[in-house]
Amino acid sequence: PDMSLSEKPESILDRQEGVMRNKTIPFVKILWKNRPEREATWET
């Protein structure tokens, strides 16, 4: 059996836009299921 934990997003806490090489990149801060809010991560 697969014993790895599958990380699933629970909700989006924040949204921002960054600029890299003259392109606007959207970022979202993801709260992961079964993780505290302090472990939320920014994803593109």
Protein backbone atom coordinates (compact mmCIF):
# COMPACT_ATOMS: atom_id res chain seq x y z
CA PRO A 1 0.00 0.00 0.00
CA ASP A 2 1.01 3.60 -0.62
CA MET A 3 2.00 5.03 2.77
CA SER A 4 2.80 8.55 1.53
CA LEU A 5 0.63 11.40 2.67
CA SER A 6 -1.11 13.20 -0.13
CA GLU A 7 -1.11 16.92 0.50
CA LYS A 8 -4.41 18.44 -0.55
CA PRO A 9 -5.25 22.14 -0.57
CA GLU A 10 -8.01 23.20 1.80
CA SER A 11 -8.41 26.89 1.00
CA ILE A 12 -6.78 29.98 -0.51
CA LEU A 13 -5.75 32.47 2.17
CA ASP A 14 -4.39 35.28 -0.02
CA ARG A 15 -3.63 36.28 -3.62
CA GLN A 16 -0.81 38.46 -4.94
CA GLU A 17 0.86 39.26 -8.22
CA GLY A 18 4.60 39.35 -8.76
CA VAL A 19 6.61 40.53 -11.75
CA MET A 20 9.39 38.36 -13.17
CA ARG A 21 11.17 39.17 -16.41
CA ASN A 22 8.46 41.68 -17.37
CA LYS A 23 5.69 39.10 -16.86
CA THR A 24 3.00 39.31 -14.19
CA ILE A 25 2.83 36.06 -12.21
CA PRO A 26 -0.17 35.32 -9.96
CA PHE A 27 0.59 33.77 -6.56
CA VAL A 28 -1.87 32.19 -4.14
CA LYS A 29 -1.26 31.33 -0.50
CA ILE A 30 -2.56 27.79 0.08
CA LEU A 31 -3.70 26.37 3.39
CA TRP A 32 -3.08 22.61 3.24
CA LYS A 33 -5.42 20.05 4.75
CA ASN A 34 -4.27 18.75 8.16
CA ARG A 35 -1.61 21.50 8.45
CA PRO A 36 -1.58 24.60 10.69
CA GLU A 37 -1.97 28.01 9.04
CA ARG A 38 1.68 28.87 9.81
CA GLU A 39 2.66 26.13 7.32
CA ALA A 40 0.65 27.66 4.46
CA THR A 41 2.73 28.11 1.30
CA TRP A 42 2.82 30.50 -1.65
CA GLU A 43 2.25 28.72 -4.99
CA THR A 44 2.11 29.87 -8.61
